[in-house]
Every structure is written in C-alpha cells, then in structure tokens.
Amino acid sequence: MDEAVERRRFLGLTAAAAALGLTATVSGCGSLGGDSGDVTLKLVAAEYDLTGGDSTKKYWTELAAAFEAKHPGIKIQVQVESWDDVDRKVAEMVKAGEAPDIAQIGAYADYAAAGRLYAADELLSIPVQANFLPRLAAAGEHKQTQYGLPFVASTRPLFYNKALFEKAGVEPPTTWDELAAAAGKLKKEGVRTPFALPLGPEEAQAEAMMWLLAGEGGWTDASDHYAVDSETNVRTFEWLRTNLVGKDLTGPVAPGKLNRKAAFTAFANGEVGMLNGHPSLLKEAAKKGVEVGQVPLPGADGPSKTSMGVADWIMGFKQNGHRKEIGDFLNFAFNDENVLKFAGDNDLLPVTVSASTRMETDPEHANLRVFLKVLPDAQLPPVGKTSWAQVSENVKQNIGKAVTPNGRPAEVLGSIGRVATAAEAAE
C-alpha cells in the first residue's frame, strides 16, 4: 500500500469513527471530558530546547492550563528534565513507588513488560488511536499491544554546510567513497571537523544505527533478533575506522567522546562540513547564518536504501489509578493544534496522519517536507524489546571504541552483541 493510500485509509477511519461518535474505546475506556473530582496528575517530560531556554516548559504549562480550563476537577503538575536525566529520573521514581501519572521519555517497553502502563486502548478514544502513523503505532507495541504513544518523531538525512562545500569545490556525496573524498577536500581547506561523528554516550545508538542501515545492516535481522556483530555491521565500522577516523577527518574530539549536542553546536557555528542531521538543527544553524544543504544518507554504493526514524514516547502509568484522567489529558494533547505546535516549534515531525498531512501543505514548514516524506517507511530502533534499554545503554558506552585507531570493530560489536543476545533471551 503506497503512502497516499495508507494515509487516506487512516484518515477515513478517523473521520468515520468521529462521525459515529465513537469517543471511547471498544471496552468503554478512555472517555472524554467530564469531572472526575479533584485529581492532580504528575507529568514528567523531556527538554527539547536546544538553546537552553524554557520553550518546552512553556508548552506544557500552557497546554496544562488549557486542559484544566475544560476539566476543572483535574490539575496537571509539570516537571521538565533534560534528556541527559529524564529517563533515569523516571526510573528512580518508579523504583521508589512514586511513578508519575504521565511520562514523556525515550523508552516504554520495560515498563510495559512489568505491567506498569495502561494500554493505548485503555486511554485513548478510537479516532485518536487510529490517527497515529501506522509505522509509529506498531513501534509502540509490546507483544502486540500498544503501550507507547509516539509523541514526536524525526528522520535523519545528511546535512552539509553549503558555504564550506562551495569553497572546497565539492558536491554533496551519494556514496561513502564520495563522502570520504569530500571530507578530505574540506580538511585541506582548513575545516576543523570535515565530518562530525558523535559516538559519545548521549545518542550513539542512533548515530551508529544510521551507519548500520546505510551499510544494509542494522541492530536486528529479518526475524527481529539482535544481529549486532553481523558481517555487514562489522564491515561498516571497519570502513568508518579506516576511511574517516583513521584519516583524521572527524575533528579534534574522538568520536567516542563527542556527543550529539556538541556536534550540533559546532555545525551551527560553521565549524563542521557534514554530519548526520536532525530537523531541529535547521533552526539553530539558520540563527547563526549557516546555510544548510541536505541529501539522503550516503551508502556503500549509493544513497542509503533505508532511512532511520526516531520517535519519543509518552505513556500513562497505572500506579495512582488515574486511568480516566490520564486518558482525558492525552486525548486533548493529541489534537492537531497541539501536535503541530510542539512539532513545528521544535522543527520535528508530527506523529499523526492528520497533523502530518497539514504540515506537508503548510509553507511555513516547507523545510521539513524531506523528513516527512521518508517517515512512513523509516526503520525505528527495536524499542518494543524490553532488552533495548539495556542494549542501547551498552552501545552508548562502548560503540566509540570500535573506531579508535587501534579499535577492533569485530571485538567491540561482538561484545555488545553477546550482551544483547543474553538480554533478549531473558525477556
């Protein structure tokens, strides 16, 4: 089914359900509106403001106020934490028996497996649940039941600094060999970091996955079992070690110590020739006067056949028994205006069919269309595995060792792979 047909199908389902007044789930849960008595919901959310400002806190505070005006018996207590801390702090709250009612974080599967989360159909109306982009809804499933609600998404092309490319006389690369050649010319022109390769602990699992997909590999195989140290993956990291890092084309900071935030800051400051980009970086680069070009990620023999998608998740915890109130808030949060505001303000992608369709035709968000185009078919990390949180953390801490001058990709990937396989077996 092509993208247009798929979207029409889901929009039709949403419209039909709305027309029939189906504002509750099949089981009668997730009803909208109404006064539930005096209840305070604690919401913990991640910080998305790359500038160190308070735009994320402002969004949630305003959303909470608008919701409270329509639901006078429910209050929303908002707590925003940095991405460096939010997953850990929520885990600590849960372990201490003080789980938030709602958490907007990076992973959900371990909480779902432990029976701590409400399923999507216990919280959301039929039209809201049907409106998620199908690939994202499927990624939110644990054992065929959706617990993770996609909150915002992104895809990752290659970004390049147009001025630096023009000065070096190079064209945007379509293959790894062209990428390495372009990086070499940028280095000769004095570019501090020809290609930024952030394999530090902030988000190395995503950066690494982009390269694995471009090399026609991935974290898992066709049967959805971990395949971290496959021959294809090892070849990809051998190429990186030899052709980029080994030729001093990745800048003054070792990839294993370079975090995404620092790489993005350097790119926005005009110090980086190329990197695997994120939509939110466009706005920061524009503020600094850096003109950004973007092309599909290069692969070994041509543009990568598969794009990586990333989704962040929002979920409702059972501990305090506030199913109905949580459902009321989430149904409100997922209306088009709220979804589009957060995504648009942060140069990210909406997770619903209707909001994505609106963004595609909005001239204000024309720079995001290249990201939107590939999202429906993008491959996401194996977030539905309860083992992924552990495996992801292992990748963050160790994958950078594979590209050090004396690094042995087969050994590093093999070590990560053995832990991943054991963790999967214990699920």
Protein backbone atom coordinates (compact mmCIF):
# COMPACT_ATOMS: atom_id res chain seq x y z
CA MET A 1 0.00 0.00 0.00
CA ASP A 2 1.56 3.33 -1.01
CA GLU A 3 1.85 6.26 1.38
CA ALA A 4 -1.05 8.26 -0.06
CA VAL A 5 -3.46 5.31 0.04
CA GLU A 6 -2.36 4.40 3.55
CA ARG A 7 -2.94 7.93 4.80
CA ARG A 8 -6.36 8.17 3.16
CA ARG A 9 -7.30 4.87 4.78
CA PHE A 10 -6.40 6.04 8.25
CA LEU A 11 -7.91 9.48 7.77
CA GLY A 12 -11.09 7.76 6.63
CA LEU A 13 -11.10 5.54 9.71
CA THR A 14 -10.59 8.56 11.93
CA ALA A 15 -13.36 10.54 10.26
CA ALA A 16 -15.76 7.62 10.29
CA ALA A 17 -15.17 6.95 13.95
CA ALA A 18 -15.68 10.61 14.77
CA ALA A 19 -18.87 10.74 12.71
CA LEU A 20 -20.27 7.80 14.63
CA GLY A 21 -19.46 9.50 17.92
CA LEU A 22 -17.06 6.73 18.94
CA THR A 23 -15.28 8.73 21.61
CA ALA A 24 -14.45 5.75 23.77
CA THR A 25 -12.53 2.55 23.20
CA VAL A 26 -14.21 -0.75 22.38
CA SER A 27 -14.04 -1.69 26.06
CA GLY A 28 -15.67 1.57 27.08
CA CYS A 29 -12.46 3.10 28.43
CA GLY A 30 -10.82 6.41 27.65
CA SER A 31 -13.97 8.52 27.65
CA LEU A 32 -13.55 12.20 27.03
CA GLY A 33 -14.39 15.17 29.21
CA GLY A 34 -16.28 15.12 32.46
CA ASP A 35 -15.48 15.99 36.03
CA SER A 36 -13.53 13.33 37.88
CA GLY A 37 -13.24 15.03 41.25
CA ASP A 38 -10.10 16.73 42.49
CA VAL A 39 -7.18 14.87 40.91
CA THR A 40 -3.63 16.07 40.29
CA LEU A 41 -1.72 14.32 37.51
CA LYS A 42 2.07 14.45 37.64
CA LEU A 43 3.63 14.77 34.21
CA VAL A 44 7.39 14.38 33.65
CA ALA A 45 8.62 15.44 30.22
CA ALA A 46 11.92 15.78 28.37
CA GLU A 47 13.53 19.11 27.49
CA TYR A 48 13.71 19.83 23.75
CA ASP A 49 15.00 23.41 23.77
CA LEU A 50 18.48 23.27 22.21
CA THR A 51 19.23 26.85 23.27
CA GLY A 52 18.89 26.29 27.00
CA GLY A 53 15.63 28.23 27.09
CA ASP A 54 12.29 27.27 28.60
CA SER A 55 10.16 26.71 25.50
CA THR A 56 9.37 23.10 26.45
CA LYS A 57 8.23 24.07 29.95
CA LYS A 58 6.19 26.90 28.43
CA TYR A 59 4.48 24.48 26.02
CA TRP A 60 3.45 22.02 28.73
CA THR A 61 2.40 24.77 31.15
CA GLU A 62 0.16 26.39 28.54
CA LEU A 63 -1.22 23.02 27.44
CA ALA A 64 -1.99 22.12 31.06
CA ALA A 65 -3.75 25.44 31.63
CA ALA A 66 -5.91 24.99 28.52
CA PHE A 67 -6.79 21.45 29.60
CA GLU A 68 -7.58 22.47 33.18
CA ALA A 69 -9.94 25.17 31.90
CA LYS A 70 -12.03 22.43 30.26
CA HIS A 71 -11.62 19.88 33.09
CA PRO A 72 -11.93 21.83 36.36
CA GLY A 73 -11.59 18.72 38.51
CA ILE A 74 -8.12 17.85 37.16
CA LYS A 75 -4.80 19.62 37.72
CA ILE A 76 -1.56 18.94 35.85
CA GLN A 77 1.75 19.21 37.68
CA VAL A 78 4.52 19.67 35.11
CA GLN A 79 8.17 18.66 35.61
CA VAL A 80 10.64 19.06 32.73
CA GLU A 81 14.05 17.36 32.83
CA SER A 82 16.98 17.34 30.40
CA TRP A 83 17.39 14.39 28.07
CA ASP A 84 20.55 13.53 29.99
CA ASP A 85 18.46 12.92 33.12
CA VAL A 86 14.81 12.30 32.30
CA ASP A 87 14.87 8.54 31.69
CA ARG A 88 16.96 7.93 34.81
CA LYS A 89 14.78 10.16 36.99
CA VAL A 90 11.57 8.47 35.88
CA ALA A 91 13.16 5.08 36.55
CA GLU A 92 14.10 6.25 40.04
CA MET A 93 10.56 7.48 40.68
CA VAL A 94 9.11 4.16 39.58
CA LYS A 95 11.57 2.19 41.71
CA ALA A 96 10.70 4.33 44.72
CA GLY A 97 6.98 3.67 44.25
CA GLU A 98 6.38 7.26 43.15
CA ALA A 99 5.71 6.82 39.44
CA PRO A 100 4.41 9.86 37.58
CA ASP A 101 0.98 9.57 36.04
CA ILE A 102 2.33 10.54 32.63
CA ALA A 103 5.91 10.35 31.36
CA GLN A 104 7.25 11.67 28.07
CA ILE A 105 10.60 9.92 27.71
CA GLY A 106 12.73 7.79 25.39
CA ALA A 107 11.56 4.21 26.06
CA TYR A 108 8.48 2.40 27.28
CA ALA A 109 8.91 -1.36 26.78
CA ASP A 110 10.46 -2.27 30.14
CA TYR A 111 7.61 -0.55 31.97
CA ALA A 112 5.05 -2.26 29.71
CA ALA A 113 6.60 -5.67 30.35
CA ALA A 114 6.45 -5.04 34.09
CA GLY A 115 2.71 -4.33 33.86
CA ARG A 116 3.13 -0.71 34.94
CA LEU A 117 1.49 1.01 31.96
CA TYR A 118 -2.03 1.42 30.67
CA ALA A 119 -2.51 0.12 27.14
CA ALA A 120 -3.32 2.71 24.48
CA ASP A 121 -6.89 1.46 24.12
CA GLU A 122 -7.42 1.95 27.84
CA LEU A 123 -6.58 5.63 27.48
CA LEU A 124 -7.37 6.93 24.01
CA SER A 125 -10.52 7.41 22.00
CA ILE A 126 -10.81 5.34 18.83
CA PRO A 127 -10.23 8.34 16.50
CA VAL A 128 -7.08 9.40 18.39
CA GLN A 129 -5.54 5.94 18.47
CA ALA A 130 -6.39 5.32 14.80
CA ASN A 131 -4.71 8.58 13.80
CA PHE A 132 -1.12 7.60 14.65
CA LEU A 133 1.12 6.93 11.67
CA PRO A 134 1.00 3.13 11.31
CA ARG A 135 4.76 2.55 11.48
CA LEU A 136 4.99 4.56 14.71
CA ALA A 137 1.96 2.88 16.26
CA ALA A 138 3.48 -0.52 15.53
CA ALA A 139 6.77 0.55 17.10
CA GLY A 140 4.83 1.38 20.26
CA GLU A 141 3.66 -2.21 20.67
CA HIS A 142 4.88 -4.74 23.20
CA LYS A 143 3.64 -8.26 22.50
CA GLN A 144 1.03 -6.99 20.01
CA THR A 145 -0.43 -4.42 22.42
CA GLN A 146 0.31 -0.71 22.11
CA TYR A 147 1.62 0.89 25.30
CA GLY A 148 3.98 3.51 23.90
CA LEU A 149 2.25 6.50 22.36
CA PRO A 150 4.51 8.25 19.85
CA PHE A 151 4.90 11.88 20.90
CA VAL A 152 7.18 13.39 18.27
CA ALA A 153 9.37 11.93 15.54
CA SER A 154 12.29 12.66 13.26
CA THR A 155 14.23 11.20 10.36
CA ARG A 156 17.89 11.80 9.58
CA PRO A 157 19.42 12.94 6.28
CA LEU A 158 22.98 14.15 5.72
CA PHE A 159 23.43 17.86 6.44
CA TYR A 160 26.24 19.85 4.86
CA ASN A 161 27.48 23.42 5.12
CA LYS A 162 26.85 24.93 1.69
CA ALA A 163 29.47 27.67 2.03
CA LEU A 164 32.20 25.26 3.09
CA PHE A 165 31.30 22.87 0.27
CA GLU A 166 31.43 25.67 -2.30
CA LYS A 167 34.80 26.85 -1.01
CA ALA A 168 36.22 23.31 -1.20
CA GLY A 169 34.69 22.73 -4.62
CA VAL A 170 32.83 19.57 -3.67
CA GLU A 171 29.37 18.23 -4.41
CA PRO A 172 27.03 16.55 -1.90
CA PRO A 173 28.08 12.89 -1.62
CA THR A 174 25.89 9.96 -2.58
CA THR A 175 28.32 7.17 -1.63
CA TRP A 176 30.74 6.52 1.24
CA ASP A 177 33.73 6.95 -1.07
CA GLU A 178 32.40 10.32 -2.23
CA LEU A 179 31.80 11.30 1.41
CA ALA A 180 35.39 10.46 2.37
CA ALA A 181 36.73 12.32 -0.67
CA ALA A 182 34.65 15.39 0.15
CA ALA A 183 35.82 15.28 3.77
CA GLY A 184 39.43 15.15 2.58
CA LYS A 185 38.97 18.28 0.46
CA LEU A 186 37.26 20.08 3.34
CA LYS A 187 40.21 19.24 5.58
CA LYS A 188 42.63 20.71 3.02
CA GLU A 189 40.60 23.93 3.12
CA GLY A 190 41.13 24.13 6.87
CA VAL A 191 37.70 22.92 8.03
CA ARG A 192 38.11 21.97 11.69
CA THR A 193 35.73 19.00 11.53
CA PRO A 194 35.12 17.76 7.98
CA PHE A 195 32.66 15.12 9.22
CA ALA A 196 31.25 15.07 12.76
CA LEU A 197 30.80 11.51 14.06
CA PRO A 198 29.18 11.73 17.53
CA LEU A 199 29.54 8.26 19.01
CA GLY A 200 29.64 9.56 22.57
CA PRO A 201 27.18 8.41 25.22
CA GLU A 202 24.44 10.96 24.51
CA GLU A 203 22.90 9.24 21.48
CA ALA A 204 25.46 6.88 19.99
CA GLN A 205 22.85 4.16 19.47
CA ALA A 206 21.06 6.34 16.90
CA GLU A 207 24.20 7.62 15.16
CA ALA A 208 25.51 4.08 14.89
CA MET A 209 22.18 2.78 13.57
CA MET A 210 22.23 5.32 10.73
CA TRP A 211 25.54 3.93 9.58
CA LEU A 212 24.42 0.33 10.01
CA LEU A 213 21.34 0.92 7.86
CA ALA A 214 23.40 2.72 5.23
CA GLY A 215 25.60 -0.37 5.14
CA GLU A 216 22.47 -2.54 4.70
CA GLY A 217 22.68 -3.91 8.23
CA GLY A 218 21.01 -2.91 11.48
CA TRP A 219 20.67 -3.79 15.15
CA THR A 220 18.33 -6.68 14.32
CA ASP A 221 17.92 -9.18 11.50
CA ALA A 222 14.88 -10.03 9.36
CA SER A 223 13.42 -12.14 12.18
CA ASP A 224 13.78 -9.25 14.67
CA HIS A 225 16.57 -10.92 16.66
CA TYR A 226 19.68 -8.96 17.57
CA ALA A 227 22.41 -9.14 14.93
CA VAL A 228 24.80 -6.55 16.33
CA ASP A 229 28.01 -8.24 15.17
CA SER A 230 26.85 -9.36 11.73
CA GLU A 231 29.48 -9.34 8.99
CA THR A 232 27.71 -6.40 7.37
CA ASN A 233 27.80 -4.32 10.56
CA VAL A 234 31.46 -5.15 11.19
CA ARG A 235 32.36 -4.05 7.64
CA THR A 236 30.55 -0.74 8.19
CA PHE A 237 32.54 0.07 11.31
CA GLU A 238 35.78 -1.07 9.73
CA TRP A 239 35.10 1.43 6.94
CA LEU A 240 34.45 4.22 9.43
CA ARG A 241 37.59 3.45 11.40
CA THR A 242 39.80 3.25 8.33
CA ASN A 243 38.38 5.88 5.98
CA LEU A 244 37.10 8.64 8.25
CA VAL A 245 38.58 8.38 11.73
CA GLY A 246 41.88 6.86 10.58
CA LYS A 247 42.40 9.68 8.08
CA ASP A 248 41.74 12.36 10.72
CA LEU A 249 38.55 13.56 9.04
CA THR A 250 36.31 13.56 12.14
CA GLY A 251 37.72 16.55 14.00
CA PRO A 252 39.71 17.16 17.18
CA VAL A 253 37.43 15.22 19.55
CA ALA A 254 37.48 11.42 19.39
CA PRO A 255 34.10 10.10 18.15
CA GLY A 256 33.64 8.07 21.34
CA LYS A 257 33.85 11.27 23.38
CA LEU A 258 31.83 13.50 21.04
CA ASN A 259 28.17 13.93 21.95
CA ARG A 260 25.45 14.92 19.50
CA LYS A 261 24.74 18.24 21.24
CA ALA A 262 28.38 19.33 20.91
CA ALA A 263 28.48 18.21 17.27
CA PHE A 264 25.30 20.14 16.50
CA THR A 265 26.63 23.26 18.22
CA ALA A 266 29.84 23.08 16.19
CA PHE A 267 27.83 22.66 12.98
CA ALA A 268 25.63 25.64 13.82
CA ASN A 269 28.82 27.64 14.45
CA GLY A 270 30.11 26.83 10.97
CA GLU A 271 32.92 24.55 12.18
CA VAL A 272 31.63 21.28 10.65
CA GLY A 273 31.41 20.34 7.00
CA MET A 274 28.96 17.43 7.26
CA LEU A 275 27.04 15.37 9.79
CA ASN A 276 24.02 13.12 10.03
CA GLY A 277 21.37 15.70 10.79
CA HIS A 278 18.28 16.17 12.89
CA PRO A 279 15.42 18.50 11.87
CA SER A 280 15.76 20.66 14.98
CA LEU A 281 19.30 21.64 13.93
CA LEU A 282 18.00 23.59 10.93
CA LYS A 283 16.67 26.44 13.04
CA GLU A 284 19.86 26.73 15.12
CA ALA A 285 22.06 26.79 12.02
CA ALA A 286 19.85 29.44 10.41
CA LYS A 287 20.16 31.66 13.50
CA LYS A 288 23.95 31.62 13.05
CA GLY A 289 23.72 32.32 9.33
CA VAL A 290 24.78 28.85 8.24
CA GLU A 291 23.08 27.76 5.02
CA VAL A 292 22.36 24.04 5.22
CA GLY A 293 22.03 21.56 2.40
CA GLN A 294 20.53 18.13 2.93
CA VAL A 295 20.63 14.89 0.96
CA PRO A 296 19.81 11.24 1.75
CA LEU A 297 22.45 9.47 3.80
CA PRO A 298 25.14 8.04 1.52
CA GLY A 299 25.55 4.27 1.43
CA ALA A 300 28.33 1.98 0.33
CA ASP A 301 27.27 2.06 -3.34
CA GLY A 302 24.66 4.84 -3.46
CA PRO A 303 22.12 6.61 -1.28
CA SER A 304 21.02 4.53 1.70
CA LYS A 305 18.05 2.33 0.82
CA THR A 306 16.60 2.68 4.33
CA SER A 307 16.12 5.79 6.45
CA MET A 308 16.24 5.75 10.22
CA GLY A 309 13.26 7.09 12.11
CA VAL A 310 13.25 8.06 15.76
CA ALA A 311 10.22 8.53 17.97
CA ASP A 312 9.99 9.72 21.55
CA TRP A 313 7.23 8.28 23.67
CA ILE A 314 4.54 9.32 26.10
CA MET A 315 2.83 6.83 28.41
CA GLY A 316 0.40 6.53 31.28
CA PHE A 317 1.40 4.75 34.50
CA LYS A 318 -1.11 2.66 36.43
CA GLN A 319 0.24 3.22 39.92
CA ASN A 320 -2.07 6.02 41.00
CA GLY A 321 -5.16 4.60 39.31
CA HIS A 322 -5.94 7.72 37.27
CA ARG A 323 -6.77 5.97 34.03
CA LYS A 324 -9.69 8.14 33.04
CA GLU A 325 -7.98 11.44 33.88
CA ILE A 326 -4.79 10.42 32.06
CA GLY A 327 -6.90 9.43 29.05
CA ASP A 328 -8.72 12.75 29.08
CA PHE A 329 -5.42 14.64 29.08
CA LEU A 330 -3.79 12.54 26.35
CA ASN A 331 -6.82 12.75 24.08
CA PHE A 332 -6.59 16.53 24.49
CA ALA A 333 -2.82 16.60 23.93
CA PHE A 334 -3.11 14.73 20.62
CA ASN A 335 -5.41 17.14 18.84
CA ASP A 336 -3.90 18.58 15.68
CA GLU A 337 -3.24 22.06 17.02
CA ASN A 338 -1.24 20.80 19.99
CA VAL A 339 0.67 18.20 17.97
CA LEU A 340 1.56 20.71 15.26
CA LYS A 341 2.61 23.40 17.71
CA PHE A 342 5.13 21.26 19.54
CA ALA A 343 6.49 19.65 16.38
CA GLY A 344 6.64 22.94 14.49
CA ASP A 345 8.23 24.91 17.33
CA ASN A 346 11.00 22.31 17.60
CA ASP A 347 11.43 21.53 13.87
CA LEU A 348 10.33 17.96 14.49
CA LEU A 349 7.72 15.76 12.84
CA PRO A 350 4.15 15.15 13.98
CA VAL A 351 3.18 11.57 14.76
CA THR A 352 -0.40 11.59 13.50
CA VAL A 353 -1.79 11.20 9.99
CA SER A 354 -3.91 14.34 10.09
CA ALA A 355 -1.19 16.59 11.54
CA SER A 356 1.40 15.23 9.08
CA THR A 357 -0.95 15.95 6.17
CA ARG A 358 -1.44 19.51 7.39
CA MET A 359 2.29 20.07 7.84
CA GLU A 360 3.03 18.80 4.32
CA THR A 361 0.93 21.58 2.79
CA ASP A 362 1.98 24.37 5.17
CA PRO A 363 4.53 26.72 3.54
CA GLU A 364 5.86 27.58 7.00
CA HIS A 365 7.21 24.04 7.34
CA ALA A 366 8.47 23.52 3.78
CA ASN A 367 11.96 22.73 5.12
CA LEU A 368 10.57 19.66 6.90
CA ARG A 369 8.99 18.02 3.87
CA VAL A 370 12.08 16.00 3.03
CA PHE A 371 11.90 14.50 6.53
CA LEU A 372 8.14 13.90 6.36
CA LYS A 373 8.43 12.11 3.02
CA VAL A 374 10.52 9.23 4.40
CA LEU A 375 8.95 8.93 7.87
CA PRO A 376 6.13 6.46 6.96
CA ASP A 377 8.70 3.90 5.75
CA ALA A 378 11.56 4.71 8.11
CA GLN A 379 13.05 1.97 10.29
CA LEU A 380 12.99 2.60 14.02
CA PRO A 381 15.28 1.11 16.67
CA PRO A 382 13.89 -2.05 18.34
CA VAL A 383 12.13 -0.03 21.04
CA GLY A 384 9.46 -2.71 21.57
CA LYS A 385 12.04 -5.06 23.09
CA THR A 386 12.29 -4.86 26.87
CA SER A 387 16.01 -5.52 26.44
CA TRP A 388 16.54 -2.46 24.24
CA ALA A 389 17.08 -0.04 27.12
CA GLN A 390 19.96 -2.18 28.40
CA VAL A 391 21.38 -2.82 24.94
CA SER A 392 21.09 0.83 23.98
CA GLU A 393 22.99 1.90 27.10
CA ASN A 394 25.72 -0.63 26.32
CA VAL A 395 26.01 0.76 22.80
CA LYS A 396 26.23 4.33 24.12
CA GLN A 397 29.09 3.48 26.44
CA ASN A 398 31.12 1.25 24.13
CA ILE A 399 30.48 1.69 20.41
CA GLY A 400 33.01 4.52 20.14
CA LYS A 401 35.79 2.02 20.93
CA ALA A 402 35.19 0.36 17.56
CA VAL A 403 36.60 3.33 15.65
CA THR A 404 39.64 4.22 17.76
CA PRO A 405 42.97 3.97 15.89
CA ASN A 406 43.64 0.53 17.36
CA GLY A 407 39.97 -0.41 17.62
CA ARG A 408 38.75 -3.83 16.60
CA PRO A 409 35.17 -3.47 15.33
CA ALA A 410 34.54 -7.23 15.34
CA GLU A 411 35.52 -7.49 19.01
CA VAL A 412 33.56 -4.42 20.13
CA LEU A 413 30.42 -5.36 18.21
CA GLY A 414 30.81 -8.98 19.32
CA SER A 415 30.92 -7.95 22.99
CA ILE A 416 27.82 -5.74 22.60
CA GLY A 417 26.10 -8.49 20.62
CA ARG A 418 26.65 -11.16 23.27
CA VAL A 419 25.11 -8.94 25.94
CA ALA A 420 22.20 -8.14 23.60
CA THR A 421 21.51 -11.80 22.84
CA ALA A 422 21.59 -12.70 26.52
CA ALA A 423 19.27 -9.82 27.37
CA GLU A 424 16.86 -10.87 24.62
CA ALA A 425 16.84 -14.45 25.89
CA ALA A 426 15.89 -13.19 29.34
CA GLU A 427 12.88 -11.23 28.08
